[in-house]
N, C-alpha and C. Protein backbone atom coordinates (compact mmCIF):
# COMPACT_ATOMS: atom_id res chain seq x y z
N UNK A 1 26.25 9.36 -7.50
CA UNK A 1 25.87 8.48 -8.56
C UNK A 1 25.59 9.34 -9.77
N UNK A 2 26.40 9.02 -10.98
CA UNK A 2 26.03 9.76 -12.15
C UNK A 2 25.16 9.03 -13.05
N UNK A 3 24.43 9.51 -13.86
CA UNK A 3 23.54 8.99 -14.79
C UNK A 3 24.15 7.89 -15.76
N UNK A 4 25.42 8.28 -16.20
CA UNK A 4 26.22 7.38 -17.13
C UNK A 4 26.54 6.18 -16.42
N UNK A 5 26.99 6.22 -15.08
CA UNK A 5 27.01 4.98 -14.41
C UNK A 5 25.89 4.10 -14.32
N UNK A 6 24.72 4.74 -14.11
CA UNK A 6 23.42 4.20 -13.96
C UNK A 6 23.08 3.32 -15.42
N UNK A 7 23.27 4.18 -16.47
CA UNK A 7 22.84 3.60 -17.90
C UNK A 7 23.84 2.54 -18.17
N UNK A 8 24.91 2.35 -17.53
CA UNK A 8 25.78 1.16 -17.92
C UNK A 8 25.38 0.01 -17.16
N UNK A 9 24.49 0.16 -16.24
CA UNK A 9 24.00 -0.96 -15.34
C UNK A 9 22.98 -1.76 -16.12
N UNK A 10 22.80 -3.08 -15.65
CA UNK A 10 21.70 -3.89 -16.23
C UNK A 10 20.41 -3.67 -15.40
N UNK A 11 19.24 -4.00 -15.77
CA UNK A 11 18.16 -3.72 -14.92
C UNK A 11 18.08 -4.38 -13.71
N UNK A 12 18.55 -5.58 -13.65
CA UNK A 12 18.67 -6.35 -12.28
C UNK A 12 19.69 -5.55 -11.32
N UNK A 13 20.76 -5.01 -12.04
CA UNK A 13 21.75 -4.31 -11.14
C UNK A 13 20.97 -3.03 -10.47
N UNK A 14 20.21 -2.35 -11.40
CA UNK A 14 19.46 -1.11 -10.98
C UNK A 14 18.54 -1.45 -9.88
N UNK A 15 17.82 -2.45 -10.01
CA UNK A 15 16.78 -2.91 -9.03
C UNK A 15 17.53 -3.35 -7.72
N UNK A 16 18.52 -4.07 -7.74
CA UNK A 16 19.29 -4.39 -6.59
C UNK A 16 19.89 -2.98 -5.86
N UNK A 17 20.38 -2.04 -6.64
CA UNK A 17 20.93 -0.84 -6.15
C UNK A 17 19.66 -0.03 -5.32
N UNK A 18 18.49 0.01 -5.98
CA UNK A 18 17.40 0.58 -5.39
C UNK A 18 17.03 0.03 -4.00
N UNK A 19 17.00 -1.15 -4.03
CA UNK A 19 16.82 -1.94 -2.72
C UNK A 19 17.92 -1.66 -1.72
N UNK A 20 19.02 -1.59 -2.07
CA UNK A 20 20.30 -1.26 -1.10
C UNK A 20 20.02 0.11 -0.59
N UNK A 21 19.59 0.95 -1.54
CA UNK A 21 19.51 2.42 -1.14
C UNK A 21 18.18 2.59 -0.09
N UNK A 22 17.21 1.84 -0.30
CA UNK A 22 16.09 1.86 0.50
C UNK A 22 16.50 1.42 1.94
N UNK A 23 17.31 0.42 1.94
CA UNK A 23 17.72 -0.03 3.16
C UNK A 23 18.61 1.00 3.96
N UNK A 24 19.40 1.69 3.09
CA UNK A 24 20.33 2.82 3.69
C UNK A 24 19.43 3.91 4.29
N UNK A 25 18.19 4.20 3.54
CA UNK A 25 17.29 5.28 3.94
C UNK A 25 16.74 4.78 5.37
N UNK A 26 16.48 3.61 5.56
CA UNK A 26 15.90 3.12 6.72
C UNK A 26 16.89 3.24 7.88
N UNK A 27 18.05 2.87 7.55
CA UNK A 27 19.19 2.99 8.46
C UNK A 27 19.48 4.49 8.99
N UNK A 28 19.39 5.31 7.87
CA UNK A 28 19.48 6.79 8.13
C UNK A 28 18.37 7.30 9.12
N UNK A 29 17.09 6.69 8.85
CA UNK A 29 16.00 7.28 9.71
C UNK A 29 16.30 6.77 11.27
N UNK A 30 16.70 5.46 11.45
CA UNK A 30 17.05 5.04 12.64
C UNK A 30 18.11 5.87 13.42
N UNK A 31 19.15 6.13 12.54
CA UNK A 31 20.25 6.82 13.23
C UNK A 31 19.79 8.39 13.55
N UNK A 32 18.95 8.98 12.84
CA UNK A 32 18.42 10.24 13.16
C UNK A 32 17.62 10.31 14.26
N UNK A 33 16.81 9.27 14.54
CA UNK A 33 15.96 9.13 15.72
C UNK A 33 16.76 8.99 17.00
N UNK A 34 17.87 8.27 16.72
CA UNK A 34 18.62 7.93 17.93
C UNK A 34 19.70 8.98 18.20
N UNK A 35 19.85 10.00 17.30
CA UNK A 35 20.62 11.09 17.47
C UNK A 35 22.25 10.75 16.99
N UNK A 36 22.33 9.75 16.24
CA UNK A 36 23.69 9.42 15.74
C UNK A 36 23.99 9.89 14.41
N UNK A 37 23.10 10.38 13.54
CA UNK A 37 23.08 10.79 12.30
C UNK A 37 23.63 12.25 12.33
N UNK A 38 25.05 12.47 11.82
CA UNK A 38 25.51 13.78 11.80
C UNK A 38 25.14 14.61 10.54
N UNK A 39 25.24 13.88 9.40
CA UNK A 39 24.94 14.57 8.03
C UNK A 39 23.64 14.19 7.61
N UNK A 40 22.75 15.22 7.78
CA UNK A 40 21.37 15.03 7.34
C UNK A 40 21.09 15.11 5.91
N UNK A 41 22.11 15.61 5.12
CA UNK A 41 21.87 15.69 3.78
C UNK A 41 22.04 14.33 3.18
N UNK A 42 22.28 13.33 3.69
CA UNK A 42 22.33 11.98 3.43
C UNK A 42 20.97 11.64 2.83
N UNK A 43 19.97 11.92 3.57
CA UNK A 43 18.51 11.67 3.20
C UNK A 43 18.25 12.16 1.69
N UNK A 44 18.50 13.49 1.38
CA UNK A 44 18.34 14.05 0.17
C UNK A 44 19.17 13.45 -0.91
N UNK A 45 20.41 13.14 -0.74
CA UNK A 45 21.31 12.59 -1.68
C UNK A 45 20.79 11.14 -2.07
N UNK A 46 20.44 10.34 -0.95
CA UNK A 46 20.01 8.96 -1.26
C UNK A 46 18.64 8.95 -2.01
N UNK A 47 17.73 9.85 -1.52
CA UNK A 47 16.49 9.85 -2.32
C UNK A 47 16.67 10.38 -3.75
N UNK A 48 17.45 11.16 -4.07
CA UNK A 48 17.80 11.57 -5.28
C UNK A 48 18.42 10.48 -6.27
N UNK A 49 19.32 9.77 -5.54
CA UNK A 49 19.87 8.73 -6.30
C UNK A 49 18.87 7.48 -6.67
N UNK A 50 17.91 7.39 -5.69
CA UNK A 50 16.68 6.49 -6.05
C UNK A 50 16.02 6.94 -7.20
N UNK A 51 15.66 8.19 -7.21
CA UNK A 51 14.99 8.76 -8.23
C UNK A 51 15.67 8.61 -9.57
N UNK A 52 17.10 8.83 -9.66
CA UNK A 52 17.77 8.62 -10.82
C UNK A 52 17.80 7.28 -11.35
N UNK A 53 17.83 6.33 -10.43
CA UNK A 53 17.60 4.88 -10.81
C UNK A 53 16.41 4.54 -11.39
N UNK A 54 15.28 5.05 -10.84
CA UNK A 54 14.01 4.76 -11.33
C UNK A 54 13.64 5.54 -12.60
N UNK A 55 14.26 6.66 -12.89
CA UNK A 55 14.20 7.32 -14.17
C UNK A 55 14.83 6.50 -15.37
N UNK A 56 16.12 6.03 -14.93
CA UNK A 56 16.70 5.14 -15.98
C UNK A 56 15.76 4.04 -16.35
N UNK A 57 15.38 3.30 -15.46
CA UNK A 57 14.36 2.14 -15.76
C UNK A 57 13.21 2.50 -16.49
N UNK A 58 12.60 3.70 -16.18
CA UNK A 58 11.37 4.18 -16.96
C UNK A 58 11.97 4.55 -18.30
N UNK A 59 13.07 4.99 -18.61
CA UNK A 59 13.47 5.35 -19.96
C UNK A 59 13.60 4.17 -20.80
N UNK A 60 14.08 3.05 -20.15
CA UNK A 60 14.24 1.73 -20.92
C UNK A 60 12.87 1.16 -21.30
N UNK A 61 11.92 1.51 -20.17
CA UNK A 61 10.60 0.78 -20.59
C UNK A 61 10.09 1.59 -21.70
N UNK A 62 10.07 2.81 -21.63
CA UNK A 62 9.66 3.58 -22.72
C UNK A 62 10.30 3.37 -24.23
N UNK A 63 11.48 3.15 -24.14
CA UNK A 63 12.21 2.95 -25.41
C UNK A 63 11.72 1.51 -26.04
N UNK A 64 11.68 0.59 -24.95
CA UNK A 64 11.10 -0.80 -25.37
C UNK A 64 9.67 -0.71 -26.04
N UNK A 65 8.84 0.08 -25.33
CA UNK A 65 7.48 0.40 -26.05
C UNK A 65 7.55 0.95 -27.35
N UNK A 66 8.40 1.95 -27.49
CA UNK A 66 8.43 2.54 -28.87
C UNK A 66 8.94 1.56 -29.89
N UNK A 67 9.88 0.85 -29.67
CA UNK A 67 10.39 -0.25 -30.49
C UNK A 67 9.31 -1.18 -30.86
N UNK A 68 8.62 -1.63 -29.88
CA UNK A 68 7.55 -2.47 -30.05
C UNK A 68 6.43 -1.95 -31.09
N UNK A 69 6.13 -0.61 -30.72
CA UNK A 69 5.12 -0.02 -31.50
C UNK A 69 5.56 0.11 -33.04
N UNK A 70 6.93 0.41 -33.14
CA UNK A 70 7.34 0.66 -34.46
C UNK A 70 7.37 -0.72 -35.28
N UNK A 71 7.52 -1.74 -34.52
CA UNK A 71 7.47 -3.20 -35.14
C UNK A 71 6.12 -3.53 -35.62
N UNK A 72 5.09 -3.04 -34.89
CA UNK A 72 3.80 -3.40 -35.10
C UNK A 72 3.29 -2.49 -36.42
N UNK A 73 3.70 -1.20 -36.53
CA UNK A 73 3.33 -0.37 -37.62
C UNK A 73 3.99 -0.69 -38.91
N UNK A 74 5.11 -1.44 -38.91
CA UNK A 74 5.87 -1.71 -40.04
C UNK A 74 5.27 -2.74 -40.90
C-alpha cells in the first residue's frame, strides 16, 4: 500500500482498513501457531501498512489543528 493511495482515502475508509489489517494480523498469528503460515514477512508488511495508515490520520489531525490555530490568531 502506497501513501498516495492512503491520502486519497477518507478518514472512515482508513479506519476501516486499519481494522481489516488488524484482523489479518490475528489470522496470521493463528496460522503461524498452527504451522500453516509460509510467508512470515506478512507480519512486517501488515504492521507497516497499519503504521502508514495511522501516520496519515495523524497528519490530518495536525493539519486541522494548525488551521484552527490560524483561525484563532487572525
